[in-house]
C-alpha atoms as a PDB file:
ATOM      1  CA  MET A   1       8.762  -6.273  17.612  1.00  0.00           C
ATOM      2  CA  ILE A   2       5.371  -4.519  17.666  1.00  0.00           C
ATOM      3  CA  GLU A   3       5.733  -3.328  21.250  1.00  0.00           C
ATOM      4  CA  GLU A   4       9.188  -1.894  20.509  1.00  0.00           C
ATOM      5  CA  ILE A   5       7.827   0.168  17.614  1.00  0.00           C
ATOM      6  CA  PHE A   6       5.510   2.034  19.947  1.00  0.00           C
ATOM      7  CA  LYS A   7       8.256   2.624  22.518  1.00  0.00           C
ATOM      8  CA  THR A   8      10.608   4.248  20.028  1.00  0.00           C
ATOM      9  CA  HIS A   9       8.330   6.168  17.631  1.00  0.00           C
ATOM     10  CA  LYS A  10       5.822   8.991  18.034  1.00  0.00           C
ATOM     11  CA  ARG A  11       3.890   9.075  14.775  1.00  0.00           C
ATOM     12  CA  ILE A  12       3.188   5.620  13.349  1.00  0.00           C
ATOM     13  CA  VAL A  13       1.255   4.767  10.216  1.00  0.00           C
ATOM     14  CA  PHE A  14       0.125   1.434   8.809  1.00  0.00           C
ATOM     15  CA  PHE A  15      -0.789   1.447   5.133  1.00  0.00           C
ATOM     16  CA  TYR A  16      -3.625  -1.064   4.930  1.00  0.00           C
ATOM     17  CA  SER A  17      -4.536  -2.718   1.620  1.00  0.00           C
ATOM     18  CA  GLY A  18      -7.268  -5.075   2.804  1.00  0.00           C
ATOM     19  CA  GLY A  19      -5.382  -8.209   1.773  1.00  0.00           C
ATOM     20  CA  LYS A  20      -4.666 -11.158   4.057  1.00  0.00           C
ATOM     21  CA  ASP A  21      -1.185  -9.922   4.985  1.00  0.00           C
ATOM     22  CA  SER A  22      -2.506  -6.477   5.891  1.00  0.00           C
ATOM     23  CA  LEU A  23      -5.287  -8.081   7.902  1.00  0.00           C
ATOM     24  CA  ALA A  24      -2.754 -10.162   9.857  1.00  0.00           C
ATOM     25  CA  VAL A  25      -0.713  -7.050  10.668  1.00  0.00           C
ATOM     26  CA  LEU A  26      -3.851  -5.127  11.623  1.00  0.00           C
ATOM     27  CA  MET A  27      -4.686  -7.939  14.042  1.00  0.00           C
ATOM     28  CA  LEU A  28      -1.151  -7.763  15.472  1.00  0.00           C
ATOM     29  CA  LEU A  29      -1.686  -4.036  16.000  1.00  0.00           C
ATOM     30  CA  LYS A  30      -5.022  -4.456  17.802  1.00  0.00           C
ATOM     31  CA  PRO A  31      -3.655  -3.554  21.283  1.00  0.00           C
ATOM     32  CA  TYR A  32      -2.027  -0.413  19.822  1.00  0.00           C
ATOM     33  CA  LEU A  33      -4.740   0.912  17.514  1.00  0.00           C
ATOM     34  CA  GLU A  34      -5.149   4.106  19.551  1.00  0.00           C
ATOM     35  CA  LYS A  35      -1.532   4.926  18.682  1.00  0.00           C
ATOM     36  CA  VAL A  36      -1.445   4.149  14.960  1.00  0.00           C
ATOM     37  CA  ASP A  37      -2.945   5.741  11.868  1.00  0.00           C
ATOM     38  CA  VAL A  38      -4.430   3.112   9.572  1.00  0.00           C
ATOM     39  CA  VAL A  39      -4.384   4.499   6.040  1.00  0.00           C
ATOM     40  CA  TRP A  40      -5.926   3.045   2.887  1.00  0.00           C
ATOM     41  CA  VAL A  41      -5.185   4.374  -0.593  1.00  0.00           C
ATOM     42  CA  ASN A  42      -8.385   4.093  -2.600  1.00  0.00           C
ATOM     43  CA  THR A  43      -7.182   4.129  -6.213  1.00  0.00           C
ATOM     44  CA  GLY A  44     -10.695   4.932  -7.418  1.00  0.00           C
ATOM     45  CA  ASP A  45     -11.496   1.519  -8.854  1.00  0.00           C
ATOM     46  CA  PRO A  46     -11.928  -0.949  -5.954  1.00  0.00           C
ATOM     47  CA  PHE A  47     -14.131  -4.009  -6.038  1.00  0.00           C
ATOM     48  CA  PRO A  48     -17.415  -3.620  -4.088  1.00  0.00           C
ATOM     49  CA  GLU A  49     -16.140  -6.234  -1.615  1.00  0.00           C
ATOM     50  CA  VAL A  50     -13.113  -4.046  -0.870  1.00  0.00           C
ATOM     51  CA  LEU A  51     -15.331  -1.040  -0.184  1.00  0.00           C
ATOM     52  CA  SER A  52     -17.469  -3.135   2.150  1.00  0.00           C
ATOM     53  CA  HIS A  53     -14.392  -4.432   3.961  1.00  0.00           C
ATOM     54  CA  MET A  54     -12.948  -0.932   4.342  1.00  0.00           C
ATOM     55  CA  ARG A  55     -16.227   0.308   5.862  1.00  0.00           C
ATOM     56  CA  LYS A  56     -15.876  -2.409   8.529  1.00  0.00           C
ATOM     57  CA  VAL A  57     -12.236  -1.543   9.163  1.00  0.00           C
ATOM     58  CA  ARG A  58     -13.121   2.171   9.412  1.00  0.00           C
ATOM     59  CA  GLU A  59     -15.653   1.318  12.143  1.00  0.00           C
ATOM     60  CA  PHE A  60     -13.120  -0.877  13.961  1.00  0.00           C
ATOM     61  CA  VAL A  61     -10.039   1.354  14.073  1.00  0.00           C
ATOM     62  CA  PRO A  62      -9.945   4.695  15.900  1.00  0.00           C
ATOM     63  CA  HIS A  63      -7.740   6.503  13.352  1.00  0.00           C
ATOM     64  CA  PHE A  64      -8.630   5.523   9.781  1.00  0.00           C
ATOM     65  CA  THR A  65      -7.784   7.695   6.785  1.00  0.00           C
ATOM     66  CA  GLU A  66      -8.765   7.107   3.180  1.00  0.00           C
ATOM     67  CA  LEU A  67      -6.493   8.671   0.586  1.00  0.00           C
ATOM     68  CA  LYS A  68      -7.714   8.867  -2.994  1.00  0.00           C
ATOM     69  CA  SER A  69      -6.087   8.628  -6.371  1.00  0.00           C
ATOM     70  CA  ASP A  70      -7.545   8.120  -9.833  1.00  0.00           C
ATOM     71  CA  VAL A  71      -6.190   5.009 -11.526  1.00  0.00           C
ATOM     72  CA  ARG A  72      -8.811   5.136 -14.294  1.00  0.00           C
ATOM     73  CA  SER A  73      -7.637   8.568 -15.456  1.00  0.00           C
ATOM     74  CA  PHE A  74      -4.031   7.418 -15.146  1.00  0.00           C
ATOM     75  CA  VAL A  75      -4.686   4.364 -17.348  1.00  0.00           C
ATOM     76  CA  GLU A  76      -6.607   6.467 -19.865  1.00  0.00           C
ATOM     77  CA  ALA A  77      -3.658   8.865 -20.163  1.00  0.00           C
ATOM     78  CA  ASN A  78      -0.765   6.408 -19.808  1.00  0.00           C
ATOM     79  CA  GLY A  79      -2.055   2.965 -20.716  1.00  0.00           C
ATOM     80  CA  PHE A  80      -2.422  -0.251 -18.787  1.00  0.00           C
ATOM     81  CA  PRO A  81       0.336  -1.111 -16.287  1.00  0.00           C
ATOM     82  CA  VAL A  82       2.312  -4.152 -17.387  1.00  0.00           C
ATOM     83  CA  ASP A  83       5.546  -5.905 -16.402  1.00  0.00           C
ATOM     84  CA  VAL A  84       7.069  -5.915 -19.899  1.00  0.00           C
ATOM     85  CA  VAL A  85       6.654  -2.591 -21.676  1.00  0.00           C
ATOM     86  CA  ASP A  86       6.408  -2.378 -25.477  1.00  0.00           C
ATOM     87  CA  THR A  87       7.787   1.146 -25.873  1.00  0.00           C
ATOM     88  CA  LYS A  88       5.827   1.829 -29.066  1.00  0.00           C
ATOM     89  CA  ARG A  89       2.640   1.385 -27.023  1.00  0.00           C
ATOM     90  CA  THR A  90       3.634   3.910 -24.325  1.00  0.00           C
ATOM     91  CA  ALA A  91       2.360   7.507 -24.326  1.00  0.00           C
ATOM     92  CA  PHE A  92       5.721   8.673 -25.703  1.00  0.00           C
ATOM     93  CA  GLY A  93       5.773   5.828 -28.249  1.00  0.00           C
ATOM     94  CA  ASN A  94       2.326   6.885 -29.450  1.00  0.00           C
ATOM     95  CA  TYR A  95       3.644  10.437 -29.825  1.00  0.00           C
ATOM     96  CA  ALA A  96       6.839   9.390 -31.618  1.00  0.00           C
ATOM     97  CA  PHE A  97       5.546   6.540 -33.811  1.00  0.00           C
ATOM     98  CA  GLY A  98       1.806   7.195 -34.003  1.00  0.00           C
ATOM     99  CA  PRO A  99      -1.211   5.887 -32.134  1.00  0.00           C
ATOM    100  CA  THR A 100      -1.565   2.213 -31.303  1.00  0.00           C
ATOM    101  CA  GLU A 101      -4.724   0.263 -30.522  1.00  0.00           C
ATOM    102  CA  TYR A 102      -3.953   0.545 -26.796  1.00  0.00           C
ATOM    103  CA  LYS A 103      -1.253   2.055 -24.605  1.00  0.00           C
ATOM    104  CA  VAL A 104       0.804   0.470 -21.820  1.00  0.00           C
ATOM    105  CA  CYS A 105       3.096   1.762 -19.114  1.00  0.00           C
ATOM    106  CA  SER A 106       5.391   0.366 -16.455  1.00  0.00           C
ATOM    107  CA  ARG A 107       3.544  -0.968 -13.433  1.00  0.00           C
ATOM    108  CA  PHE A 108       5.971   1.098 -11.362  1.00  0.00           C
ATOM    109  CA  ALA A 109       4.745   4.283 -13.042  1.00  0.00           C
ATOM    110  CA  CYS A 110       1.154   3.365 -12.205  1.00  0.00           C
ATOM    111  CA  CYS A 111       1.902   2.341  -8.599  1.00  0.00           C
ATOM    112  CA  GLY A 112       4.122   5.383  -8.198  1.00  0.00           C
ATOM    113  CA  GLU A 113       1.392   7.835  -9.066  1.00  0.00           C
ATOM    114  CA  ASN A 114      -1.600   6.016  -7.595  1.00  0.00           C
ATOM    115  CA  LEU A 115      -0.158   4.427  -4.427  1.00  0.00           C
ATOM    116  CA  TRP A 116       3.352   5.538  -3.517  1.00  0.00           C
ATOM    117  CA  GLU A 117       2.906   9.256  -4.184  1.00  0.00           C
ATOM    118  CA  PRO A 118      -0.210   9.562  -1.974  1.00  0.00           C
ATOM    119  CA  MET A 119       1.540   7.503   0.735  1.00  0.00           C
ATOM    120  CA  THR A 120       4.712   9.612   0.541  1.00  0.00           C
ATOM    121  CA  ASN A 121       2.679  12.814   0.752  1.00  0.00           C
ATOM    122  CA  TYR A 122       0.846  11.464   3.801  1.00  0.00           C
ATOM    123  CA  ILE A 123       4.138  10.586   5.510  1.00  0.00           C
ATOM    124  CA  LEU A 124       5.583  14.048   4.849  1.00  0.00           C
ATOM    125  CA  ASP A 125       2.397  16.001   5.654  1.00  0.00           C
ATOM    126  CA  HIS A 126       1.803  14.195   8.973  1.00  0.00           C
ATOM    127  CA  GLY A 127       5.309  13.972  10.417  1.00  0.00           C
ATOM    128  CA  VAL A 128       5.322  10.175  10.338  1.00  0.00           C
ATOM    129  CA  ASP A 129       8.459   8.599  11.850  1.00  0.00           C
ATOM    130  CA  CYS A 130       7.501   4.928  11.391  1.00  0.00           C
ATOM    131  CA  VAL A 131       5.715   3.062   8.608  1.00  0.00           C
ATOM    132  CA  ILE A 132       4.504  -0.467   9.266  1.00  0.00           C
ATOM    133  CA  ARG A 133       4.374  -2.638   6.157  1.00  0.00           C
ATOM    134  CA  ALA A 134       2.672  -6.001   5.630  1.00  0.00           C
ATOM    135  CA  ASP A 135       5.204  -7.352   3.121  1.00  0.00           C
ATOM    136  CA  ARG A 136       6.275 -10.992   3.266  1.00  0.00           C
ATOM    137  CA  GLY A 137       9.646 -12.221   2.037  1.00  0.00           C
ATOM    138  CA  GLU A 138       8.252 -15.061  -0.054  1.00  0.00           C
ATOM    139  CA  GLU A 139       6.373 -12.529  -2.183  1.00  0.00           C
ATOM    140  CA  ARG A 140       8.851  -9.673  -2.587  1.00  0.00           C
ATOM    141  CA  ALA A 141      12.240  -8.309  -1.790  1.00  0.00           C
ATOM    142  CA  ARG A 142      12.601  -6.535   1.509  1.00  0.00           C
ATOM    143  CA  GLY A 143      12.050  -2.846   1.118  1.00  0.00           C
ATOM    144  CA  ILE A 144      14.027  -0.054   2.631  1.00  0.00           C
ATOM    145  CA  ASP A 145      14.472   0.093   6.407  1.00  0.00           C
ATOM    146  CA  ARG A 146      14.927   3.849   6.748  1.00  0.00           C
ATOM    147  CA  VAL A 147      14.567   6.980   4.636  1.00  0.00           C
ATOM    148  CA  SER A 148      15.481  10.322   6.188  1.00  0.00           C
ATOM    149  CA  ALA A 149      13.924  10.144   9.650  1.00  0.00           C
ATOM    150  CA  VAL A 150      11.315   7.496   8.805  1.00  0.00           C
ATOM    151  CA  ASP A 151      11.744   3.850   9.819  1.00  0.00           C
ATOM    152  CA  PHE A 152      10.020   1.115   7.810  1.00  0.00           C
ATOM    153  CA  VAL A 153       9.216  -2.076   9.709  1.00  0.00           C
ATOM    154  CA  PHE A 154       8.029  -5.431   8.414  1.00  0.00           C
ATOM    155  CA  PRO A 155       6.524  -7.467  11.284  1.00  0.00           C
ATOM    156  CA  ILE A 156       5.472 -10.471   9.178  1.00  0.00           C
ATOM    157  CA  PHE A 157       8.322 -10.475   6.658  1.00  0.00           C
ATOM    158  CA  ASP A 158       9.499 -13.926   7.782  1.00  0.00           C
ATOM    159  CA  TRP A 159       6.008 -15.438   7.793  1.00  0.00           C
ATOM    160  CA  ASP A 160       4.805 -17.688   4.986  1.00  0.00           C
ATOM    161  CA  CYS A 161       1.281 -17.707   3.573  1.00  0.00           C
ATOM    162  CA  ALA A 162       0.222 -20.685   5.713  1.00  0.00           C
ATOM    163  CA  ARG A 163       1.275 -18.883   8.882  1.00  0.00           C
ATOM    164  CA  VAL A 164      -0.644 -15.751   7.883  1.00  0.00           C
ATOM    165  CA  LYS A 165      -3.807 -17.747   7.216  1.00  0.00           C
ATOM    166  CA  ALA A 166      -3.458 -19.718  10.456  1.00  0.00           C
ATOM    167  CA  PHE A 167      -2.914 -16.531  12.441  1.00  0.00           C
ATOM    168  CA  ILE A 168      -6.047 -14.933  10.976  1.00  0.00           C
ATOM    169  CA  ARG A 169      -8.128 -18.068  11.601  1.00  0.00           C
ATOM    170  CA  ASN A 170      -6.980 -18.371  15.212  1.00  0.00           C
ATOM    171  CA  ALA A 171      -7.009 -14.714  16.252  1.00  0.00           C
END
């Protein structure tokens, strides 16, 4: 699958999170790193260990880009991202019903502004025609395969966690 991606696409990006699944995909991409942009979205609040890891990745890959967003400002304005949203505690709920002790928002609103928007802008600004994702089926639903002229590929979608860990250990 990986080899085919590079035969059929000109501008390929891999959005790298630093997690084990992303690391496995990065290792799969090792023979092709000259031909892929590895992009990390720094939301502005990473753990020190993540920053250290990203410094190592930046040294390892030829084309590394760090995008930035500001999750702290987002949370201050919109509340904490949660799965179940109490509408009275949202920014609009605080406006309509009065202030609450804390605010919340949909996790999709937070991810949208702090991850997906910077990634979408990168795709559009750089003429990307293929996005490699490190999603696995046991953790989430399969995403879209194509939007406009951009293909989304999932090389480890059928892998389970044990296979990812074994691959990383043995690579």
